[in-house]
Structure formats: C-alpha cells, structure tokens
Amino acid sequence: MSLLYLLTGSNMGSRLRRLNRAAALVNTQIGKVRRVSAVYETAPWGNMEQPAFLNQVLEVSTMLEPKPALNQIMLIESQMGRVRTEKWGQRCIDIDILLFNSLVINSPELTIPHPLLPMRRFALTPLAELAPHFLHPVLQVSIQDLLHNCPDELPVTYYKATKQGRYIGKD
C-alpha cells in the first residue's frame, strides 16, 4: 500500500462541489481517501487574469503505481469535463500528484515530488495541515519548513473545514 498526496483545485462553477466530486472519484478509482485538508481559497498562480481557486489536499492509500495513478487522475479530470486548452488557465478541476511515498521520479510524463511544490503556498498550506513533518524527498526539508520559507506571497485563505480531517464522501 502506498501513500499518495493529491492537490485538487477548481476555479469554475460550483468549486466546492467539484472538489467533493473529485475526492469521491479518487476514492473509488485510485484508492481510499484517508484524510482531507480544509478547503482554501487561493489566488491564481501563473495566470492572474482568472477567478480564485478552491484547493484541498487528499491523503490517499493506493495499490496503484505512480504512472497508473497519473492515468487515473487524467481520466477523472476528463470525466469531470476538464479540457486542457492553456497552461495555468481556468480549470473546472485540477488534480496534481504532490508526493507519492518518498519516491523521486523524473520522466517526461511524470515528476514526483511535484517540481513546483516548494514555490506554491496554495499547495503547501493544505499539505502542511496533513503532513507537516513529511520530508520532501529531494530537498530533505519538512513540508512545514518549506511552507515557512515559501517565497510565494499570494493569499491563501481558509474557506471551509472538514469533519476532523476525515473524508466523508458527501457535499
């Protein structure tokens, strides 16, 4: 069994409902969602000319290997209506692999840990809620320390709590 941390995000339509739907699909198609972070409203990163995002981190136990997990993520995004048109553009749903156990993978299709994780407050904030002491497998620095030293100054605002961090499978 592997431990996978996924970042979900949406800045179109019913953002919270989309995050909940993504978590439900991850739970049935990738592995058991063990815990979820609070939901945070975050400024767009990379392309500022779009609405704010809602973001959440999912802690998932999976039997899948990294590349099949990525394939399932892309299938879920497609099932939810995601069409990739522009880099860092608006998205009905976005699911990124942040960490997969302590694996380090650098391939044309997949990079783990997520290469921009240390520079993204919107990913580090909910990840630090679930795994503050997890060591970044390349930098050998805790997620909490990465967040503390993150150069990203874009706002990340608490939006909605979850029931004691547990995934409950409902809106």
N, C-alpha and C. Protein backbone atom coordinates (compact mmCIF):
# COMPACT_ATOMS: atom_id res chain seq x y z
N MET A 1 0.85 -1.18 0.00
CA MET A 1 0.00 0.00 0.00
C MET A 1 0.89 1.24 0.00
N SER A 2 0.58 2.18 -0.86
CA SER A 2 1.35 3.42 -0.97
C SER A 2 0.55 4.59 -0.45
N LEU A 3 1.27 5.61 -0.01
CA LEU A 3 0.66 6.85 0.47
C LEU A 3 0.87 7.92 -0.58
N LEU A 4 -0.22 8.52 -0.99
CA LEU A 4 -0.24 9.48 -2.08
C LEU A 4 -0.88 10.76 -1.57
N TYR A 5 -0.26 11.91 -1.86
CA TYR A 5 -0.86 13.21 -1.53
C TYR A 5 -1.21 13.91 -2.83
N LEU A 6 -2.50 14.22 -2.98
CA LEU A 6 -3.00 14.88 -4.18
C LEU A 6 -3.52 16.26 -3.83
N LEU A 7 -3.28 17.22 -4.71
CA LEU A 7 -3.86 18.56 -4.59
C LEU A 7 -4.99 18.66 -5.59
N THR A 8 -6.19 19.00 -5.11
CA THR A 8 -7.30 19.24 -6.01
C THR A 8 -7.59 20.74 -6.04
N GLY A 9 -8.02 21.21 -7.19
CA GLY A 9 -8.33 22.63 -7.33
C GLY A 9 -9.39 22.87 -8.38
N SER A 10 -10.16 23.94 -8.18
CA SER A 10 -11.17 24.34 -9.16
C SER A 10 -11.39 25.84 -9.05
N ASN A 11 -11.58 26.49 -10.20
CA ASN A 11 -11.95 27.91 -10.18
C ASN A 11 -13.08 28.20 -11.17
N MET A 12 -13.89 27.19 -11.43
CA MET A 12 -15.04 27.36 -12.33
C MET A 12 -16.28 26.73 -11.69
N GLY A 13 -17.41 27.42 -11.85
CA GLY A 13 -18.68 26.84 -11.42
C GLY A 13 -18.75 26.63 -9.93
N SER A 14 -19.40 25.54 -9.53
CA SER A 14 -19.55 25.18 -8.11
C SER A 14 -18.25 24.54 -7.62
N ARG A 15 -17.31 25.39 -7.25
CA ARG A 15 -15.96 24.93 -6.94
C ARG A 15 -15.92 23.89 -5.83
N LEU A 16 -16.64 24.13 -4.74
CA LEU A 16 -16.63 23.20 -3.62
C LEU A 16 -17.25 21.86 -4.03
N ARG A 17 -18.32 21.91 -4.76
CA ARG A 17 -18.96 20.67 -5.23
C ARG A 17 -18.00 19.89 -6.13
N ARG A 18 -17.24 20.60 -6.94
CA ARG A 18 -16.27 19.93 -7.82
C ARG A 18 -15.16 19.25 -7.01
N LEU A 19 -14.69 19.91 -5.95
CA LEU A 19 -13.66 19.29 -5.10
C LEU A 19 -14.21 18.03 -4.44
N ASN A 20 -15.44 18.11 -3.96
CA ASN A 20 -16.06 16.94 -3.33
C ASN A 20 -16.24 15.81 -4.33
N ARG A 21 -16.63 16.13 -5.54
CA ARG A 21 -16.80 15.10 -6.58
C ARG A 21 -15.45 14.47 -6.93
N ALA A 22 -14.43 15.30 -7.03
CA ALA A 22 -13.08 14.78 -7.33
C ALA A 22 -12.64 13.82 -6.23
N ALA A 23 -12.87 14.18 -4.97
CA ALA A 23 -12.48 13.30 -3.86
C ALA A 23 -13.24 11.98 -3.93
N ALA A 24 -14.52 12.04 -4.27
CA ALA A 24 -15.31 10.81 -4.37
C ALA A 24 -14.79 9.92 -5.50
N LEU A 25 -14.43 10.51 -6.63
CA LEU A 25 -13.89 9.73 -7.75
C LEU A 25 -12.51 9.17 -7.43
N VAL A 26 -11.68 9.93 -6.76
CA VAL A 26 -10.37 9.43 -6.33
C VAL A 26 -10.59 8.23 -5.41
N ASN A 27 -11.54 8.36 -4.49
CA ASN A 27 -11.82 7.30 -3.52
C ASN A 27 -12.25 5.99 -4.20
N THR A 28 -12.97 6.09 -5.31
CA THR A 28 -13.43 4.87 -5.99
C THR A 28 -12.48 4.39 -7.08
N GLN A 29 -11.66 5.29 -7.66
CA GLN A 29 -10.85 4.90 -8.81
C GLN A 29 -9.35 4.83 -8.55
N ILE A 30 -8.89 5.42 -7.45
CA ILE A 30 -7.44 5.43 -7.19
C ILE A 30 -7.10 4.74 -5.88
N GLY A 31 -7.82 5.05 -4.83
CA GLY A 31 -7.57 4.43 -3.54
C GLY A 31 -8.35 5.12 -2.45
N LYS A 32 -8.29 4.58 -1.27
CA LYS A 32 -9.06 5.12 -0.15
C LYS A 32 -8.54 6.49 0.26
N VAL A 33 -9.45 7.47 0.24
CA VAL A 33 -9.12 8.80 0.75
C VAL A 33 -9.18 8.70 2.26
N ARG A 34 -8.01 8.76 2.89
CA ARG A 34 -7.91 8.60 4.34
C ARG A 34 -8.21 9.89 5.09
N ARG A 35 -7.65 10.98 4.60
CA ARG A 35 -7.85 12.27 5.25
C ARG A 35 -7.90 13.35 4.18
N VAL A 36 -8.54 14.46 4.53
CA VAL A 36 -8.60 15.62 3.65
C VAL A 36 -8.25 16.87 4.46
N SER A 37 -7.63 17.81 3.81
CA SER A 37 -7.34 19.09 4.47
C SER A 37 -8.60 19.94 4.46
N ALA A 38 -8.53 21.04 5.15
CA ALA A 38 -9.56 22.07 4.99
C ALA A 38 -9.50 22.54 3.54
N VAL A 39 -10.51 23.27 3.13
CA VAL A 39 -10.53 23.86 1.79
C VAL A 39 -10.03 25.30 1.94
N TYR A 40 -9.20 25.71 0.98
CA TYR A 40 -8.64 27.06 1.00
C TYR A 40 -8.98 27.78 -0.29
N GLU A 41 -9.30 29.07 -0.18
CA GLU A 41 -9.48 29.90 -1.38
C GLU A 41 -8.13 30.53 -1.67
N THR A 42 -7.71 30.42 -2.91
CA THR A 42 -6.35 30.83 -3.26
C THR A 42 -6.35 31.68 -4.52
N ALA A 43 -5.43 32.60 -4.55
CA ALA A 43 -5.26 33.43 -5.74
C ALA A 43 -4.70 32.56 -6.86
N PRO A 44 -5.07 32.87 -8.10
CA PRO A 44 -4.50 32.10 -9.21
C PRO A 44 -2.99 32.30 -9.29
N TRP A 45 -2.30 31.26 -9.69
CA TRP A 45 -0.83 31.27 -9.75
C TRP A 45 -0.44 31.08 -11.21
N GLY A 46 0.44 31.92 -11.71
CA GLY A 46 0.92 31.76 -13.08
C GLY A 46 0.15 32.61 -14.08
N ASN A 47 -1.17 32.67 -13.94
CA ASN A 47 -2.03 33.47 -14.81
C ASN A 47 -3.03 34.17 -13.90
N MET A 48 -2.78 35.43 -13.60
CA MET A 48 -3.58 36.16 -12.62
C MET A 48 -4.95 36.59 -13.14
N GLU A 49 -5.17 36.52 -14.45
CA GLU A 49 -6.40 37.00 -15.06
C GLU A 49 -7.48 35.93 -15.08
N GLN A 50 -7.85 35.44 -13.89
CA GLN A 50 -8.88 34.42 -13.78
C GLN A 50 -9.40 34.42 -12.34
N PRO A 51 -10.55 33.76 -12.11
CA PRO A 51 -11.11 33.72 -10.75
C PRO A 51 -10.24 32.96 -9.77
N ALA A 52 -10.48 33.19 -8.49
CA ALA A 52 -9.77 32.50 -7.42
C ALA A 52 -10.12 31.01 -7.43
N PHE A 53 -9.20 30.22 -6.93
CA PHE A 53 -9.37 28.77 -6.83
C PHE A 53 -9.84 28.38 -5.43
N LEU A 54 -10.46 27.21 -5.35
CA LEU A 54 -10.55 26.48 -4.10
C LEU A 54 -9.59 25.32 -4.25
N ASN A 55 -8.81 25.06 -3.19
CA ASN A 55 -7.83 23.96 -3.19
C ASN A 55 -7.98 23.12 -1.94
N GLN A 56 -7.65 21.83 -2.08
CA GLN A 56 -7.70 20.90 -0.97
C GLN A 56 -6.69 19.79 -1.24
N VAL A 57 -6.07 19.27 -0.18
CA VAL A 57 -5.17 18.13 -0.32
C VAL A 57 -5.87 16.88 0.20
N LEU A 58 -5.71 15.80 -0.56
CA LEU A 58 -6.24 14.49 -0.19
C LEU A 58 -5.08 13.56 0.15
N GLU A 59 -5.20 12.85 1.25
CA GLU A 59 -4.24 11.80 1.60
C GLU A 59 -4.89 10.48 1.20
N VAL A 60 -4.23 9.74 0.32
CA VAL A 60 -4.83 8.56 -0.30
C VAL A 60 -3.94 7.34 -0.09
N SER A 61 -4.54 6.22 0.30
CA SER A 61 -3.85 4.93 0.32
C SER A 61 -4.19 4.24 -0.99
N THR A 62 -3.17 3.83 -1.74
CA THR A 62 -3.43 3.25 -3.05
C THR A 62 -2.56 2.02 -3.28
N MET A 63 -3.10 1.12 -4.09
CA MET A 63 -2.34 -0.04 -4.55
C MET A 63 -1.69 0.26 -5.90
N LEU A 64 -2.05 1.39 -6.51
CA LEU A 64 -1.53 1.74 -7.83
C LEU A 64 -0.08 2.19 -7.76
N GLU A 65 0.63 1.95 -8.85
CA GLU A 65 1.96 2.51 -9.03
C GLU A 65 1.78 3.95 -9.55
N PRO A 66 2.83 4.77 -9.53
CA PRO A 66 2.69 6.17 -9.91
C PRO A 66 2.09 6.44 -11.30
N LYS A 67 2.59 5.77 -12.35
CA LYS A 67 2.07 6.07 -13.69
C LYS A 67 0.61 5.65 -13.87
N PRO A 68 0.20 4.47 -13.40
CA PRO A 68 -1.23 4.16 -13.45
C PRO A 68 -2.08 5.14 -12.62
N ALA A 69 -1.54 5.62 -11.49
CA ALA A 69 -2.26 6.61 -10.70
C ALA A 69 -2.45 7.89 -11.51
N LEU A 70 -1.39 8.32 -12.20
CA LEU A 70 -1.49 9.51 -13.06
C LEU A 70 -2.53 9.29 -14.16
N ASN A 71 -2.54 8.12 -14.76
CA ASN A 71 -3.53 7.82 -15.80
C ASN A 71 -4.95 7.93 -15.25
N GLN A 72 -5.17 7.42 -14.04
CA GLN A 72 -6.50 7.50 -13.42
C GLN A 72 -6.87 8.95 -13.10
N ILE A 73 -5.88 9.73 -12.67
CA ILE A 73 -6.13 11.15 -12.39
C ILE A 73 -6.59 11.85 -13.67
N MET A 74 -5.91 11.59 -14.75
CA MET A 74 -6.28 12.24 -16.01
C MET A 74 -7.66 11.77 -16.48
N LEU A 75 -7.99 10.52 -16.22
CA LEU A 75 -9.32 10.01 -16.55
C LEU A 75 -10.38 10.71 -15.70
N ILE A 76 -10.13 10.88 -14.42
CA ILE A 76 -11.08 11.59 -13.54
C ILE A 76 -11.26 13.02 -14.01
N GLU A 77 -10.17 13.70 -14.33
CA GLU A 77 -10.28 15.08 -14.82
C GLU A 77 -11.13 15.12 -16.08
N SER A 78 -10.92 14.19 -16.97
CA SER A 78 -11.70 14.11 -18.20
C SER A 78 -13.18 13.83 -17.90
N GLN A 79 -13.44 12.89 -16.99
CA GLN A 79 -14.82 12.57 -16.60
C GLN A 79 -15.53 13.79 -16.04
N MET A 80 -14.78 14.66 -15.39
CA MET A 80 -15.36 15.85 -14.79
C MET A 80 -15.43 17.03 -15.76
N GLY A 81 -15.00 16.82 -17.00
CA GLY A 81 -15.14 17.86 -18.02
C GLY A 81 -13.92 18.71 -18.27
N ARG A 82 -12.79 18.33 -17.74
CA ARG A 82 -11.58 19.14 -17.96
C ARG A 82 -11.11 18.99 -19.39
N VAL A 83 -10.86 20.12 -20.01
CA VAL A 83 -10.26 20.19 -21.33
C VAL A 83 -9.04 21.08 -21.20
N ARG A 84 -7.88 20.56 -21.57
CA ARG A 84 -6.63 21.32 -21.44
C ARG A 84 -6.46 22.23 -22.65
N THR A 85 -6.64 23.54 -22.41
CA THR A 85 -6.52 24.50 -23.51
C THR A 85 -5.33 25.44 -23.34
N GLU A 86 -5.11 25.91 -22.12
CA GLU A 86 -3.97 26.81 -21.90
C GLU A 86 -3.30 26.51 -20.57
N LYS A 87 -1.99 26.64 -20.55
CA LYS A 87 -1.24 26.39 -19.32
C LYS A 87 -1.64 27.41 -18.27
N TRP A 88 -1.92 26.92 -17.06
CA TRP A 88 -2.31 27.74 -15.93
C TRP A 88 -3.58 28.55 -16.17
N GLY A 89 -4.44 28.05 -17.05
CA GLY A 89 -5.72 28.72 -17.31
C GLY A 89 -6.79 28.25 -16.33
N GLN A 90 -8.02 28.72 -16.55
CA GLN A 90 -9.14 28.31 -15.72
C GLN A 90 -9.35 26.80 -15.84
N ARG A 91 -9.78 26.20 -14.72
CA ARG A 91 -9.98 24.75 -14.72
C ARG A 91 -11.21 24.39 -13.89
N CYS A 92 -12.04 23.52 -14.47
CA CYS A 92 -13.17 23.02 -13.69
C CYS A 92 -12.65 22.10 -12.60
N ILE A 93 -11.56 21.38 -12.89
CA ILE A 93 -10.90 20.55 -11.89
C ILE A 93 -9.44 20.37 -12.29
N ASP A 94 -8.59 20.32 -11.29
CA ASP A 94 -7.18 20.04 -11.49
C ASP A 94 -6.76 19.14 -10.35
N ILE A 95 -6.09 18.05 -10.67
CA ILE A 95 -5.60 17.13 -9.65
C ILE A 95 -4.13 16.89 -9.91
N ASP A 96 -3.30 17.27 -8.95
CA ASP A 96 -1.85 17.13 -9.08
C ASP A 96 -1.32 16.15 -8.03
N ILE A 97 -0.38 15.31 -8.45
CA ILE A 97 0.34 14.48 -7.50
C ILE A 97 1.42 15.35 -6.87
N LEU A 98 1.34 15.52 -5.55
CA LEU A 98 2.36 16.28 -4.83
C LEU A 98 3.48 15.35 -4.36
N LEU A 99 3.08 14.26 -3.70
CA LEU A 99 4.03 13.30 -3.14
C LEU A 99 3.47 11.89 -3.32
N PHE A 100 4.36 10.94 -3.51
CA PHE A 100 3.97 9.54 -3.63
C PHE A 100 4.99 8.76 -2.80
N ASN A 101 4.60 8.36 -1.57
CA ASN A 101 5.55 7.84 -0.61
C ASN A 101 6.73 8.81 -0.56
N SER A 102 7.94 8.32 -0.61
CA SER A 102 9.11 9.19 -0.69
C SER A 102 9.82 9.01 -2.02
N LEU A 103 9.04 8.65 -3.03
CA LEU A 103 9.60 8.41 -4.36
C LEU A 103 10.08 9.69 -5.01
N VAL A 104 11.11 9.52 -5.83
CA VAL A 104 11.59 10.60 -6.70
C VAL A 104 11.53 10.03 -8.11
N ILE A 105 10.73 10.67 -8.96
CA ILE A 105 10.57 10.24 -10.35
C ILE A 105 10.75 11.46 -11.24
N ASN A 106 11.60 11.33 -12.23
CA ASN A 106 11.79 12.38 -13.23
C ASN A 106 11.70 11.73 -14.60
N SER A 107 10.51 11.83 -15.19
CA SER A 107 10.32 11.29 -16.53
C SER A 107 9.56 12.32 -17.34
N PRO A 108 9.52 12.17 -18.66
CA PRO A 108 8.78 13.14 -19.47
C PRO A 108 7.29 13.22 -19.09
N GLU A 109 6.71 12.11 -18.62
CA GLU A 109 5.28 12.10 -18.28
C GLU A 109 4.99 12.50 -16.85
N LEU A 110 5.95 12.30 -15.95
CA LEU A 110 5.65 12.43 -14.54
C LEU A 110 6.88 12.83 -13.74
N THR A 111 6.70 13.85 -12.88
CA THR A 111 7.75 14.26 -11.96
C THR A 111 7.17 14.24 -10.55
N ILE A 112 7.80 13.46 -9.69
CA ILE A 112 7.41 13.37 -8.28
C ILE A 112 8.68 13.51 -7.45
N PRO A 113 8.67 14.35 -6.41
CA PRO A 113 7.58 15.20 -5.97
C PRO A 113 7.29 16.29 -7.00
N HIS A 114 6.12 16.89 -6.86
CA HIS A 114 5.74 17.94 -7.82
C HIS A 114 6.86 18.99 -7.85
N PRO A 115 7.37 19.31 -9.04
CA PRO A 115 8.55 20.17 -9.13
C PRO A 115 8.35 21.60 -8.60
N LEU A 116 7.11 22.09 -8.60
CA LEU A 116 6.86 23.46 -8.15
C LEU A 116 6.35 23.53 -6.71
N LEU A 117 6.25 22.39 -6.05
CA LEU A 117 5.71 22.36 -4.69
C LEU A 117 6.38 23.36 -3.75
N PRO A 118 7.72 23.45 -3.69
CA PRO A 118 8.34 24.39 -2.73
C PRO A 118 8.02 25.86 -2.99
N MET A 119 7.51 26.17 -4.18
CA MET A 119 7.25 27.56 -4.55
C MET A 119 5.76 27.91 -4.55
N ARG A 120 4.91 27.02 -4.08
CA ARG A 120 3.46 27.24 -4.16
C ARG A 120 2.80 27.16 -2.79
N ARG A 121 2.51 28.33 -2.24
CA ARG A 121 1.85 28.41 -0.93
C ARG A 121 0.49 27.71 -0.97
N PHE A 122 -0.22 27.81 -2.11
CA PHE A 122 -1.55 27.21 -2.20
C PHE A 122 -1.52 25.69 -2.11
N ALA A 123 -0.39 25.07 -2.40
CA ALA A 123 -0.24 23.62 -2.25
C ALA A 123 0.36 23.27 -0.89
N LEU A 124 1.32 24.05 -0.44
CA LEU A 124 1.98 23.76 0.83
C LEU A 124 1.08 23.95 2.05
N THR A 125 0.19 24.93 2.00
CA THR A 125 -0.67 25.21 3.16
C THR A 125 -1.56 24.01 3.51
N PRO A 126 -2.35 23.48 2.56
CA PRO A 126 -3.17 22.31 2.93
C PRO A 126 -2.33 21.05 3.14
N LEU A 127 -1.20 20.92 2.44
CA LEU A 127 -0.35 19.75 2.64
C LEU A 127 0.26 19.76 4.04
N ALA A 128 0.67 20.93 4.51
CA ALA A 128 1.25 21.05 5.85
C ALA A 128 0.22 20.74 6.94
N GLU A 129 -1.04 20.93 6.64
CA GLU A 129 -2.09 20.59 7.59
C GLU A 129 -2.13 19.07 7.82
N LEU A 130 -1.91 18.29 6.76
CA LEU A 130 -1.98 16.83 6.85
C LEU A 130 -0.63 16.17 7.13
N ALA A 131 0.45 16.74 6.62
CA ALA A 131 1.76 16.09 6.71
C ALA A 131 2.87 17.10 7.02
N PRO A 132 2.78 17.81 8.13
CA PRO A 132 3.76 18.87 8.41
C PRO A 132 5.19 18.36 8.53
N HIS A 133 5.38 17.14 9.01
CA HIS A 133 6.73 16.62 9.26
C HIS A 133 7.25 15.72 8.15
N PHE A 134 6.46 15.52 7.11
CA PHE A 134 6.89 14.71 5.97
C PHE A 134 8.08 15.40 5.32
N LEU A 135 9.14 14.67 5.07
CA LEU A 135 10.32 15.26 4.44
C LEU A 135 10.20 15.23 2.93
N HIS A 136 10.40 16.38 2.33
CA HIS A 136 10.45 16.45 0.87
C HIS A 136 11.58 15.52 0.43
N PRO A 137 11.30 14.53 -0.44
CA PRO A 137 12.29 13.50 -0.76
C PRO A 137 13.55 14.00 -1.48
N VAL A 138 13.49 15.16 -2.09
CA VAL A 138 14.67 15.70 -2.77
C VAL A 138 15.39 16.69 -1.87
N LEU A 139 14.64 17.61 -1.30
CA LEU A 139 15.24 18.69 -0.51
C LEU A 139 15.56 18.29 0.93
N GLN A 140 14.94 17.19 1.41
CA GLN A 140 15.13 16.72 2.78
C GLN A 140 14.80 17.81 3.80
N VAL A 141 13.72 18.51 3.54
CA VAL A 141 13.20 19.56 4.41
C VAL A 141 11.73 19.22 4.66
N SER A 142 11.24 19.47 5.86
CA SER A 142 9.85 19.16 6.17
C SER A 142 8.91 20.08 5.39
N ILE A 143 7.70 19.60 5.18
CA ILE A 143 6.68 20.40 4.49
C ILE A 143 6.42 21.67 5.28
N GLN A 144 6.38 21.56 6.59
CA GLN A 144 6.19 22.73 7.45
C GLN A 144 7.28 23.77 7.22
N ASP A 145 8.53 23.34 7.13
CA ASP A 145 9.63 24.28 6.89
C ASP A 145 9.58 24.86 5.48
N LEU A 146 9.17 24.04 4.50
CA LEU A 146 9.00 24.56 3.15
C LEU A 146 7.95 25.68 3.14
N LEU A 147 6.85 25.45 3.84
CA LEU A 147 5.80 26.48 3.91
C LEU A 147 6.32 27.73 4.58
N HIS A 148 7.03 27.55 5.68
CA HIS A 148 7.57 28.71 6.43
C HIS A 148 8.50 29.54 5.55
N ASN A 149 9.25 28.89 4.66
CA ASN A 149 10.23 29.59 3.81
C ASN A 149 9.75 29.81 2.38
N CYS A 150 8.48 29.58 2.12
CA CYS A 150 7.95 29.69 0.76
C CYS A 150 8.02 31.14 0.26
N PRO A 151 8.58 31.36 -0.93
CA PRO A 151 8.69 32.72 -1.46
C PRO A 151 7.37 33.26 -2.02
N ASP A 152 6.40 32.39 -2.24
CA ASP A 152 5.10 32.78 -2.80
C ASP A 152 4.33 33.61 -1.78
N GLU A 153 3.94 34.82 -2.15
CA GLU A 153 3.21 35.69 -1.23
C GLU A 153 1.75 35.84 -1.62
N LEU A 154 1.27 35.05 -2.57
CA LEU A 154 -0.14 35.13 -2.95
C LEU A 154 -1.01 34.65 -1.80
N PRO A 155 -2.20 35.28 -1.63
CA PRO A 155 -3.04 34.92 -0.48
C PRO A 155 -3.62 33.50 -0.58
N VAL A 156 -3.64 32.84 0.57
CA VAL A 156 -4.27 31.53 0.76
C VAL A 156 -5.15 31.70 1.99
N THR A 157 -6.48 31.62 1.79
CA THR A 157 -7.43 31.92 2.85
C THR A 157 -8.25 30.69 3.21
N TYR A 158 -8.35 30.42 4.50
CA TYR A 158 -9.18 29.32 4.99
C TYR A 158 -10.60 29.52 4.46
N TYR A 159 -11.20 28.48 3.89
CA TYR A 159 -12.52 28.58 3.29
C TYR A 159 -13.55 27.71 4.01
N LYS A 160 -13.23 26.44 4.22
CA LYS A 160 -14.20 25.53 4.84
C LYS A 160 -13.48 24.37 5.53
N ALA A 161 -13.93 24.09 6.73
CA ALA A 161 -13.37 22.97 7.49
C ALA A 161 -13.94 21.65 6.97
N THR A 162 -13.26 20.58 7.30
CA THR A 162 -13.77 19.24 7.04
C THR A 162 -14.06 18.61 8.40
N LYS A 163 -14.76 17.53 8.41
CA LYS A 163 -15.09 16.87 9.67
C LYS A 163 -13.86 16.15 10.22
N GLN A 164 -13.13 16.84 11.07
CA GLN A 164 -11.93 16.30 11.71
C GLN A 164 -10.95 15.72 10.71
N GLY A 165 -10.89 16.32 9.53
CA GLY A 165 -9.93 15.89 8.52
C GLY A 165 -10.27 14.59 7.83
N ARG A 166 -11.44 14.03 8.12
CA ARG A 166 -11.81 12.75 7.52
C ARG A 166 -12.61 12.98 6.25
N TYR A 167 -12.39 12.13 5.30
CA TYR A 167 -13.20 12.14 4.09
C TYR A 167 -14.53 11.46 4.40
N ILE A 168 -15.64 12.15 4.14
CA ILE A 168 -16.95 11.58 4.44
C ILE A 168 -17.77 11.31 3.18
N GLY A 169 -17.28 11.69 2.02
CA GLY A 169 -17.93 11.33 0.78
C GLY A 169 -19.22 12.06 0.47
N LYS A 170 -19.46 13.20 1.10
CA LYS A 170 -20.68 13.97 0.84
C LYS A 170 -20.34 15.44 0.72
N ASP A 171 -21.23 16.19 0.05
CA ASP A 171 -21.07 17.66 -0.04
C ASP A 171 -21.31 18.28 1.32
